[in-house]
Amino acid sequence: MQSVRHRPSLRLTGPTVRFPAACFWLAAWLASLAPGLGPVDARAQSAALPQIIGTARPPYINDSDGRGTGPAAELVRLLAESAGLDPTVRILPFQRAVLALDQGGVLYPALLRTPQREAKYLWIGEVFTDRAVFMTRRGSPVINTLEAARQLGRINVMRGSELQTMLQSFGVTDMEVSNNEIDIARLLRAGRIDGWFAPRAVARATWAALDFDPAELQAGEVFATLPFWITASPDLPGETVAKLRSAYRTLRNDGRYERIIAPLRKLESNS
């Protein structure tokens, strides 16, 4: 008698469903054709990798159609490439960018390192140390003391920034805030504010980016030093952090760091 070979079939026995082996092979084949249908989504894995997010703050980071350029962006891109990460620098408003850093999985190209933030984030490497000063228009008083600052009629500072908190700690509570440094520079040049509290290099670079005459802008005495660092969310894997820090040390040792930050040193030399 000739044997009859039965095809595998789906059998239902009460509440239990048994799948023949062929079904599992079929599922694997479908997953290979359409990764989004399989149990492991490669796109979801990619999305879980650290992202680079910052805010436009010349001269450290410039906004080029939503992508970051400038010295800090270049530094963090090189570190990301060394660690096998996506080197794209996305630009968001300041408060949203810091919120993303808080939520996790983010590298931030240039954040001010403060005592309040010390234990909150991971610190990869320093970008540059800036100086907090009051900027005024030529012909107005140069602000060298807090008493002089308190006498300014209208002081503006970037909303939610470290310098807003610093002004409050100085006892300067009568201030205006704007969402970015570019808006503040325009207000100062138009005479709609009397002073601008900002990192010195940031103020000068923003002024230059707007094609304003640098002779119109003057800086007072330094009120605080401002170390800007490449920063990471605390949930980044230790192996990734180690790779980033190692890549940063290499940049410092092989001369690329000095080449990249040369524009920042030039702004500093204009003191």
C-alpha atoms as a PDB file:
ATOM      1  CA  MET A   1       0.000   0.000   0.000  1.00  0.00           C
ATOM      2  CA  GLN A   2       1.324   3.408  -0.932  1.00  0.00           C
ATOM      3  CA  SER A   3       1.754   5.723   2.036  1.00  0.00           C
ATOM      4  CA  VAL A   4      -0.026   9.053   1.988  1.00  0.00           C
ATOM      5  CA  ARG A   5       1.944  12.116   3.085  1.00  0.00           C
ATOM      6  CA  HIS A   6      -0.255  14.675   4.821  1.00  0.00           C
ATOM      7  CA  ARG A   7       0.431  18.356   4.526  1.00  0.00           C
ATOM      8  CA  PRO A   8       1.058  20.232   7.798  1.00  0.00           C
ATOM      9  CA  SER A   9      -2.080  22.014   8.896  1.00  0.00           C
ATOM     10  CA  LEU A  10      -3.328  24.248  11.656  1.00  0.00           C
ATOM     11  CA  ARG A  11      -5.166  22.158  14.254  1.00  0.00           C
ATOM     12  CA  LEU A  12      -7.356  23.475  16.977  1.00  0.00           C
ATOM     13  CA  THR A  13      -7.763  21.349  20.098  1.00  0.00           C
ATOM     14  CA  GLY A  14      -9.852  23.219  22.569  1.00  0.00           C
ATOM     15  CA  PRO A  15      -8.349  26.557  23.598  1.00  0.00           C
ATOM     16  CA  THR A  16      -4.807  25.587  22.562  1.00  0.00           C
ATOM     17  CA  VAL A  17      -3.533  26.596  19.130  1.00  0.00           C
ATOM     18  CA  ARG A  18      -0.642  24.577  17.686  1.00  0.00           C
ATOM     19  CA  PHE A  19       1.364  26.066  14.824  1.00  0.00           C
ATOM     20  CA  PRO A  20       3.265  23.668  12.578  1.00  0.00           C
ATOM     21  CA  ALA A  21       6.949  24.358  12.003  1.00  0.00           C
ATOM     22  CA  ALA A  22       6.303  25.698   8.524  1.00  0.00           C
ATOM     23  CA  CYS A  23       4.424  28.651  10.011  1.00  0.00           C
ATOM     24  CA  PHE A  24       7.423  29.703  12.013  1.00  0.00           C
ATOM     25  CA  TRP A  25       9.616  29.547   8.924  1.00  0.00           C
ATOM     26  CA  LEU A  26       6.997  31.634   7.094  1.00  0.00           C
ATOM     27  CA  ALA A  27       7.013  34.249   9.880  1.00  0.00           C
ATOM     28  CA  ALA A  28      10.798  34.480   9.740  1.00  0.00           C
ATOM     29  CA  TRP A  29      10.716  34.874   5.962  1.00  0.00           C
ATOM     30  CA  LEU A  30       8.121  37.648   6.161  1.00  0.00           C
ATOM     31  CA  ALA A  31      10.158  39.417   8.811  1.00  0.00           C
ATOM     32  CA  SER A  32      13.188  39.352   6.518  1.00  0.00           C
ATOM     33  CA  LEU A  33      11.145  40.979   3.752  1.00  0.00           C
ATOM     34  CA  ALA A  34       9.471  43.565   6.005  1.00  0.00           C
ATOM     35  CA  PRO A  35      11.454  44.214   9.200  1.00  0.00           C
ATOM     36  CA  GLY A  36       8.598  46.210  10.658  1.00  0.00           C
ATOM     37  CA  LEU A  37       6.475  43.059  10.833  1.00  0.00           C
ATOM     38  CA  GLY A  38       8.953  40.928  12.727  1.00  0.00           C
ATOM     39  CA  PRO A  39       9.391  40.670  16.498  1.00  0.00           C
ATOM     40  CA  VAL A  40      12.590  42.772  16.350  1.00  0.00           C
ATOM     41  CA  ASP A  41      12.241  46.072  14.492  1.00  0.00           C
ATOM     42  CA  ALA A  42      15.618  47.354  13.285  1.00  0.00           C
ATOM     43  CA  ARG A  43      14.230  50.867  12.989  1.00  0.00           C
ATOM     44  CA  ALA A  44      13.150  50.823  16.624  1.00  0.00           C
ATOM     45  CA  GLN A  45      16.628  49.652  17.611  1.00  0.00           C
ATOM     46  CA  SER A  46      18.163  52.502  15.601  1.00  0.00           C
ATOM     47  CA  ALA A  47      15.824  55.017  17.252  1.00  0.00           C
ATOM     48  CA  ALA A  48      17.063  53.817  20.633  1.00  0.00           C
ATOM     49  CA  LEU A  49      20.606  54.900  19.823  1.00  0.00           C
ATOM     50  CA  PRO A  50      21.721  58.257  21.271  1.00  0.00           C
ATOM     51  CA  GLN A  51      20.693  61.334  19.287  1.00  0.00           C
ATOM     52  CA  ILE A  52      22.603  64.611  19.127  1.00  0.00           C
ATOM     53  CA  ILE A  53      20.324  67.515  19.995  1.00  0.00           C
ATOM     54  CA  GLY A  54      21.278  71.118  20.675  1.00  0.00           C
ATOM     55  CA  THR A  55      20.097  74.672  20.287  1.00  0.00           C
ATOM     56  CA  ALA A  56      21.395  77.366  17.969  1.00  0.00           C
ATOM     57  CA  ARG A  57      23.860  79.446  19.953  1.00  0.00           C
ATOM     58  CA  PRO A  58      26.572  81.001  17.790  1.00  0.00           C
ATOM     59  CA  PRO A  59      29.509  80.618  17.734  1.00  0.00           C
ATOM     60  CA  TYR A  60      29.201  77.160  19.290  1.00  0.00           C
ATOM     61  CA  ILE A  61      26.252  75.885  17.262  1.00  0.00           C
ATOM     62  CA  ASN A  62      24.659  77.445  14.196  1.00  0.00           C
ATOM     63  CA  ASP A  63      21.329  76.445  12.670  1.00  0.00           C
ATOM     64  CA  SER A  64      21.577  75.322   9.047  1.00  0.00           C
ATOM     65  CA  ASP A  65      18.043  74.289   8.042  1.00  0.00           C
ATOM     66  CA  GLY A  66      17.495  72.410  11.282  1.00  0.00           C
ATOM     67  CA  ARG A  67      20.957  70.841  11.361  1.00  0.00           C
ATOM     68  CA  GLY A  68      23.779  72.040  13.598  1.00  0.00           C
ATOM     69  CA  THR A  69      27.062  73.449  12.337  1.00  0.00           C
ATOM     70  CA  GLY A  70      29.891  75.284  14.114  1.00  0.00           C
ATOM     71  CA  PRO A  71      32.771  74.232  16.388  1.00  0.00           C
ATOM     72  CA  ALA A  72      30.747  72.388  19.049  1.00  0.00           C
ATOM     73  CA  ALA A  73      28.717  70.576  16.402  1.00  0.00           C
ATOM     74  CA  GLU A  74      31.887  69.546  14.573  1.00  0.00           C
ATOM     75  CA  LEU A  75      33.482  68.235  17.767  1.00  0.00           C
ATOM     76  CA  VAL A  76      30.474  66.168  18.781  1.00  0.00           C
ATOM     77  CA  ARG A  77      30.084  64.779  15.239  1.00  0.00           C
ATOM     78  CA  LEU A  78      33.645  63.465  15.297  1.00  0.00           C
ATOM     79  CA  LEU A  79      33.059  61.854  18.685  1.00  0.00           C
ATOM     80  CA  ALA A  80      29.806  60.265  17.492  1.00  0.00           C
ATOM     81  CA  GLU A  81      31.473  58.821  14.396  1.00  0.00           C
ATOM     82  CA  SER A  82      34.236  57.322  16.543  1.00  0.00           C
ATOM     83  CA  ALA A  83      31.613  55.682  18.766  1.00  0.00           C
ATOM     84  CA  GLY A  84      29.541  54.375  15.842  1.00  0.00           C
ATOM     85  CA  LEU A  85      26.637  56.789  16.439  1.00  0.00           C
ATOM     86  CA  ASP A  86      24.562  58.901  14.057  1.00  0.00           C
ATOM     87  CA  PRO A  87      26.538  62.188  13.759  1.00  0.00           C
ATOM     88  CA  THR A  88      23.535  64.334  12.764  1.00  0.00           C
ATOM     89  CA  VAL A  89      23.074  67.362  15.039  1.00  0.00           C
ATOM     90  CA  ARG A  90      19.395  68.299  15.333  1.00  0.00           C
ATOM     91  CA  ILE A  91      18.449  71.853  16.342  1.00  0.00           C
ATOM     92  CA  LEU A  92      15.617  72.546  18.780  1.00  0.00           C
ATOM     93  CA  PRO A  93      14.665  75.571  20.898  1.00  0.00           C
ATOM     94  CA  PHE A  94      16.734  75.719  24.086  1.00  0.00           C
ATOM     95  CA  GLN A  95      14.122  74.542  26.558  1.00  0.00           C
ATOM     96  CA  ARG A  96      12.996  71.661  24.314  1.00  0.00           C
ATOM     97  CA  ALA A  97      16.596  70.598  23.736  1.00  0.00           C
ATOM     98  CA  VAL A  98      17.306  70.467  27.480  1.00  0.00           C
ATOM     99  CA  LEU A  99      14.039  68.574  28.022  1.00  0.00           C
ATOM    100  CA  ALA A 100      15.194  65.969  25.483  1.00  0.00           C
ATOM    101  CA  LEU A 101      18.504  65.701  27.352  1.00  0.00           C
ATOM    102  CA  ASP A 102      16.568  65.123  30.590  1.00  0.00           C
ATOM    103  CA  GLN A 103      14.356  62.467  29.000  1.00  0.00           C
ATOM    104  CA  GLY A 104      17.376  60.409  27.969  1.00  0.00           C
ATOM    105  CA  GLY A 105      19.352  59.080  25.029  1.00  0.00           C
ATOM    106  CA  VAL A 106      20.809  62.448  24.006  1.00  0.00           C
ATOM    107  CA  LEU A 107      24.194  64.038  23.401  1.00  0.00           C
ATOM    108  CA  TYR A 108      24.184  67.839  23.788  1.00  0.00           C
ATOM    109  CA  PRO A 109      27.027  69.637  21.957  1.00  0.00           C
ATOM    110  CA  ALA A 110      27.586  72.648  24.235  1.00  0.00           C
ATOM    111  CA  LEU A 111      25.881  72.961  27.622  1.00  0.00           C
ATOM    112  CA  LEU A 112      27.107  75.177  30.421  1.00  0.00           C
ATOM    113  CA  ARG A 113      28.516  73.044  33.243  1.00  0.00           C
ATOM    114  CA  THR A 114      27.168  74.346  36.532  1.00  0.00           C
ATOM    115  CA  PRO A 115      27.153  72.996  40.109  1.00  0.00           C
ATOM    116  CA  GLN A 116      23.402  72.449  39.822  1.00  0.00           C
ATOM    117  CA  ARG A 117      23.882  70.246  36.748  1.00  0.00           C
ATOM    118  CA  GLU A 118      27.030  68.433  37.872  1.00  0.00           C
ATOM    119  CA  ALA A 119      25.371  65.252  39.140  1.00  0.00           C
ATOM    120  CA  LYS A 120      22.453  65.399  36.712  1.00  0.00           C
ATOM    121  CA  TYR A 121      24.329  64.663  33.466  1.00  0.00           C
ATOM    122  CA  LEU A 122      27.415  62.934  32.108  1.00  0.00           C
ATOM    123  CA  TRP A 123      30.237  65.239  31.006  1.00  0.00           C
ATOM    124  CA  ILE A 124      32.182  64.110  27.942  1.00  0.00           C
ATOM    125  CA  GLY A 125      34.640  66.937  27.269  1.00  0.00           C
ATOM    126  CA  GLU A 126      34.984  70.702  27.411  1.00  0.00           C
ATOM    127  CA  VAL A 127      34.289  72.760  24.294  1.00  0.00           C
ATOM    128  CA  PHE A 128      35.321  76.218  25.484  1.00  0.00           C
ATOM    129  CA  THR A 129      35.201  78.500  28.521  1.00  0.00           C
ATOM    130  CA  ASP A 130      33.261  81.680  27.800  1.00  0.00           C
ATOM    131  CA  ARG A 131      32.737  84.797  29.959  1.00  0.00           C
ATOM    132  CA  ALA A 132      29.470  86.275  31.272  1.00  0.00           C
ATOM    133  CA  VAL A 133      29.312  90.015  30.549  1.00  0.00           C
ATOM    134  CA  PHE A 134      26.846  92.833  30.014  1.00  0.00           C
ATOM    135  CA  MET A 135      26.819  93.997  26.400  1.00  0.00           C
ATOM    136  CA  THR A 136      25.724  97.551  25.634  1.00  0.00           C
ATOM    137  CA  ARG A 137      25.749  99.809  22.603  1.00  0.00           C
ATOM    138  CA  ARG A 138      28.686 102.117  21.980  1.00  0.00           C
ATOM    139  CA  GLY A 139      27.953 105.457  23.624  1.00  0.00           C
ATOM    140  CA  SER A 140      26.068 103.833  26.499  1.00  0.00           C
ATOM    141  CA  PRO A 141      27.705 103.122  29.886  1.00  0.00           C
ATOM    142  CA  VAL A 142      30.059 100.143  30.051  1.00  0.00           C
ATOM    143  CA  ILE A 143      28.711  97.825  32.751  1.00  0.00           C
ATOM    144  CA  ASN A 144      31.537  96.821  35.080  1.00  0.00           C
ATOM    145  CA  THR A 145      29.657  96.453  38.393  1.00  0.00           C
ATOM    146  CA  LEU A 146      26.403  95.008  39.631  1.00  0.00           C
ATOM    147  CA  GLU A 147      25.384  98.429  40.842  1.00  0.00           C
ATOM    148  CA  ALA A 148      25.739  99.750  37.296  1.00  0.00           C
ATOM    149  CA  ALA A 149      23.760  96.774  35.999  1.00  0.00           C
ATOM    150  CA  ARG A 150      20.916  97.462  38.408  1.00  0.00           C
ATOM    151  CA  GLN A 151      20.723 100.997  37.082  1.00  0.00           C
ATOM    152  CA  LEU A 152      20.182  99.836  33.502  1.00  0.00           C
ATOM    153  CA  GLY A 153      16.600 100.391  32.509  1.00  0.00           C
ATOM    154  CA  ARG A 154      16.000  97.296  30.386  1.00  0.00           C
ATOM    155  CA  ILE A 155      18.191  94.199  30.603  1.00  0.00           C
ATOM    156  CA  ASN A 156      17.461  91.224  28.393  1.00  0.00           C
ATOM    157  CA  VAL A 157      18.643  87.607  28.718  1.00  0.00           C
ATOM    158  CA  MET A 158      17.802  84.334  26.972  1.00  0.00           C
ATOM    159  CA  ARG A 159      14.713  82.692  28.443  1.00  0.00           C
ATOM    160  CA  GLY A 160      15.410  79.652  30.607  1.00  0.00           C
ATOM    161  CA  SER A 161      19.175  79.992  30.244  1.00  0.00           C
ATOM    162  CA  GLU A 162      21.799  79.703  32.951  1.00  0.00           C
ATOM    163  CA  LEU A 163      22.399  83.448  32.711  1.00  0.00           C
ATOM    164  CA  GLN A 164      18.805  84.228  33.627  1.00  0.00           C
ATOM    165  CA  THR A 165      19.319  82.301  36.865  1.00  0.00           C
ATOM    166  CA  MET A 166      22.661  84.046  37.383  1.00  0.00           C
ATOM    167  CA  LEU A 167      21.059  87.489  37.057  1.00  0.00           C
ATOM    168  CA  GLN A 168      18.487  86.536  39.652  1.00  0.00           C
ATOM    169  CA  SER A 169      21.262  85.391  41.993  1.00  0.00           C
ATOM    170  CA  PHE A 170      22.883  88.804  41.524  1.00  0.00           C
ATOM    171  CA  GLY A 171      19.692  90.423  42.740  1.00  0.00           C
ATOM    172  CA  VAL A 172      18.784  91.742  39.293  1.00  0.00           C
ATOM    173  CA  THR A 173      15.132  90.790  39.080  1.00  0.00           C
ATOM    174  CA  ASP A 174      13.856  93.523  36.756  1.00  0.00           C
ATOM    175  CA  MET A 175      14.714  91.899  33.425  1.00  0.00           C
ATOM    176  CA  GLU A 176      13.201  90.971  30.106  1.00  0.00           C
ATOM    177  CA  VAL A 177      13.615  87.543  28.480  1.00  0.00           C
ATOM    178  CA  SER A 178      13.683  86.423  24.852  1.00  0.00           C
ATOM    179  CA  ASN A 179      13.667  82.995  23.271  1.00  0.00           C
ATOM    180  CA  ASN A 180      17.067  83.329  21.580  1.00  0.00           C
ATOM    181  CA  GLU A 181      20.163  85.493  21.407  1.00  0.00           C
ATOM    182  CA  ILE A 182      19.420  86.700  17.867  1.00  0.00           C
ATOM    183  CA  ASP A 183      16.221  88.415  18.982  1.00  0.00           C
ATOM    184  CA  ILE A 184      18.086  90.083  21.852  1.00  0.00           C
ATOM    185  CA  ALA A 185      20.814  91.385  19.547  1.00  0.00           C
ATOM    186  CA  ARG A 186      18.200  92.930  17.287  1.00  0.00           C
ATOM    187  CA  LEU A 187      16.450  94.564  20.248  1.00  0.00           C
ATOM    188  CA  LEU A 188      19.724  96.047  21.487  1.00  0.00           C
ATOM    189  CA  ARG A 189      20.692  97.469  18.118  1.00  0.00           C
ATOM    190  CA  ALA A 190      17.203  98.955  17.685  1.00  0.00           C
ATOM    191  CA  GLY A 191      17.513 100.680  21.077  1.00  0.00           C
ATOM    192  CA  ARG A 192      14.573  98.784  22.534  1.00  0.00           C
ATOM    193  CA  ILE A 193      16.696  97.439  25.407  1.00  0.00           C
ATOM    194  CA  ASP A 194      19.659  98.943  27.256  1.00  0.00           C
ATOM    195  CA  GLY A 195      21.727  95.867  28.096  1.00  0.00           C
ATOM    196  CA  TRP A 196      22.203  92.248  27.130  1.00  0.00           C
ATOM    197  CA  PHE A 197      23.591  89.715  29.625  1.00  0.00           C
ATOM    198  CA  ALA A 198      25.256  86.946  27.631  1.00  0.00           C
ATOM    199  CA  PRO A 199      28.393  84.864  27.107  1.00  0.00           C
ATOM    200  CA  ARG A 200      30.853  87.251  25.474  1.00  0.00           C
ATOM    201  CA  ALA A 201      31.739  85.013  22.521  1.00  0.00           C
ATOM    202  CA  VAL A 202      28.058  84.207  21.956  1.00  0.00           C
ATOM    203  CA  ALA A 203      27.112  87.886  21.874  1.00  0.00           C
ATOM    204  CA  ARG A 204      29.915  88.849  19.484  1.00  0.00           C
ATOM    205  CA  ALA A 205      29.260  85.934  17.135  1.00  0.00           C
ATOM    206  CA  THR A 206      25.506  86.604  17.092  1.00  0.00           C
ATOM    207  CA  TRP A 207      26.126  90.288  16.360  1.00  0.00           C
ATOM    208  CA  ALA A 208      28.461  89.386  13.501  1.00  0.00           C
ATOM    209  CA  ALA A 209      26.028  86.801  12.095  1.00  0.00           C
ATOM    210  CA  LEU A 210      23.469  89.601  11.739  1.00  0.00           C
ATOM    211  CA  ASP A 211      26.030  91.748   9.854  1.00  0.00           C
ATOM    212  CA  PHE A 212      25.921  94.426  12.552  1.00  0.00           C
ATOM    213  CA  ASP A 213      28.946  96.692  12.941  1.00  0.00           C
ATOM    214  CA  PRO A 214      31.158  95.181  15.679  1.00  0.00           C
ATOM    215  CA  ALA A 215      32.206  98.701  16.674  1.00  0.00           C
ATOM    216  CA  GLU A 216      28.641  99.329  17.899  1.00  0.00           C
ATOM    217  CA  LEU A 217      28.905  96.618  20.565  1.00  0.00           C
ATOM    218  CA  GLN A 218      30.867  96.880  23.802  1.00  0.00           C
ATOM    219  CA  ALA A 219      31.464  94.420  26.621  1.00  0.00           C
ATOM    220  CA  GLY A 220      31.900  95.205  30.289  1.00  0.00           C
ATOM    221  CA  GLU A 221      33.898  93.375  32.934  1.00  0.00           C
ATOM    222  CA  VAL A 222      33.629  89.601  33.353  1.00  0.00           C
ATOM    223  CA  PHE A 223      31.109  88.533  36.003  1.00  0.00           C
ATOM    224  CA  ALA A 224      31.596  84.755  35.731  1.00  0.00           C
ATOM    225  CA  THR A 225      33.386  82.110  33.709  1.00  0.00           C
ATOM    226  CA  LEU A 226      31.166  79.801  31.661  1.00  0.00           C
ATOM    227  CA  PRO A 227      32.584  76.362  30.778  1.00  0.00           C
ATOM    228  CA  PHE A 228      30.610  74.850  27.898  1.00  0.00           C
ATOM    229  CA  TRP A 229      30.846  71.059  27.654  1.00  0.00           C
ATOM    230  CA  ILE A 230      29.705  68.227  25.434  1.00  0.00           C
ATOM    231  CA  THR A 231      27.102  66.610  27.677  1.00  0.00           C
ATOM    232  CA  ALA A 232      25.144  63.350  27.724  1.00  0.00           C
ATOM    233  CA  SER A 233      21.986  62.015  29.306  1.00  0.00           C
ATOM    234  CA  PRO A 234      22.739  59.841  32.351  1.00  0.00           C
ATOM    235  CA  ASP A 235      21.194  56.746  30.747  1.00  0.00           C
ATOM    236  CA  LEU A 236      23.814  56.391  28.000  1.00  0.00           C
ATOM    237  CA  PRO A 237      25.530  52.991  28.216  1.00  0.00           C
ATOM    238  CA  GLY A 238      28.873  53.054  29.993  1.00  0.00           C
ATOM    239  CA  GLU A 239      30.621  51.551  26.966  1.00  0.00           C
ATOM    240  CA  THR A 240      29.317  54.353  24.730  1.00  0.00           C
ATOM    241  CA  VAL A 241      30.382  57.030  27.214  1.00  0.00           C
ATOM    242  CA  ALA A 242      33.865  55.505  27.437  1.00  0.00           C
ATOM    243  CA  LYS A 243      34.205  55.562  23.632  1.00  0.00           C
ATOM    244  CA  LEU A 244      33.094  59.191  23.462  1.00  0.00           C
ATOM    245  CA  ARG A 245      35.528  60.280  26.160  1.00  0.00           C
ATOM    246  CA  SER A 246      38.367  58.348  24.547  1.00  0.00           C
ATOM    247  CA  ALA A 247      37.619  59.983  21.182  1.00  0.00           C
ATOM    248  CA  TYR A 248      37.610  63.399  22.867  1.00  0.00           C
ATOM    249  CA  ARG A 249      41.063  62.775  24.383  1.00  0.00           C
ATOM    250  CA  THR A 250      42.337  61.805  20.951  1.00  0.00           C
ATOM    251  CA  LEU A 251      41.048  65.082  19.489  1.00  0.00           C
ATOM    252  CA  ARG A 252      42.818  67.029  22.213  1.00  0.00           C
ATOM    253  CA  ASN A 253      46.083  65.178  21.638  1.00  0.00           C
ATOM    254  CA  ASP A 254      46.271  65.161  17.835  1.00  0.00           C
ATOM    255  CA  GLY A 255      45.656  68.891  17.280  1.00  0.00           C
ATOM    256  CA  ARG A 256      42.184  68.679  15.755  1.00  0.00           C
ATOM    257  CA  TYR A 257      40.552  70.201  18.837  1.00  0.00           C
ATOM    258  CA  GLU A 258      42.652  73.387  18.579  1.00  0.00           C
ATOM    259  CA  ARG A 259      41.942  73.681  14.862  1.00  0.00           C
ATOM    260  CA  ILE A 260      38.183  73.352  15.425  1.00  0.00           C
ATOM    261  CA  ILE A 261      37.930  75.875  18.251  1.00  0.00           C
ATOM    262  CA  ALA A 262      40.267  78.425  16.639  1.00  0.00           C
ATOM    263  CA  PRO A 263      37.287  80.706  15.761  1.00  0.00           C
ATOM    264  CA  LEU A 264      36.316  80.742  19.447  1.00  0.00           C
ATOM    265  CA  ARG A 265      39.817  81.745  20.524  1.00  0.00           C
ATOM    266  CA  LYS A 266      39.755  84.526  17.936  1.00  0.00           C
ATOM    267  CA  LEU A 267      36.583  85.937  19.484  1.00  0.00           C
ATOM    268  CA  GLU A 268      38.193  85.727  22.928  1.00  0.00           C
ATOM    269  CA  SER A 269      41.253  87.640  21.708  1.00  0.00           C
ATOM    270  CA  ASN A 270      38.991  90.543  20.727  1.00  0.00           C
ATOM    271  CA  SER A 271      38.557  91.416  24.410  1.00  0.00           C
END
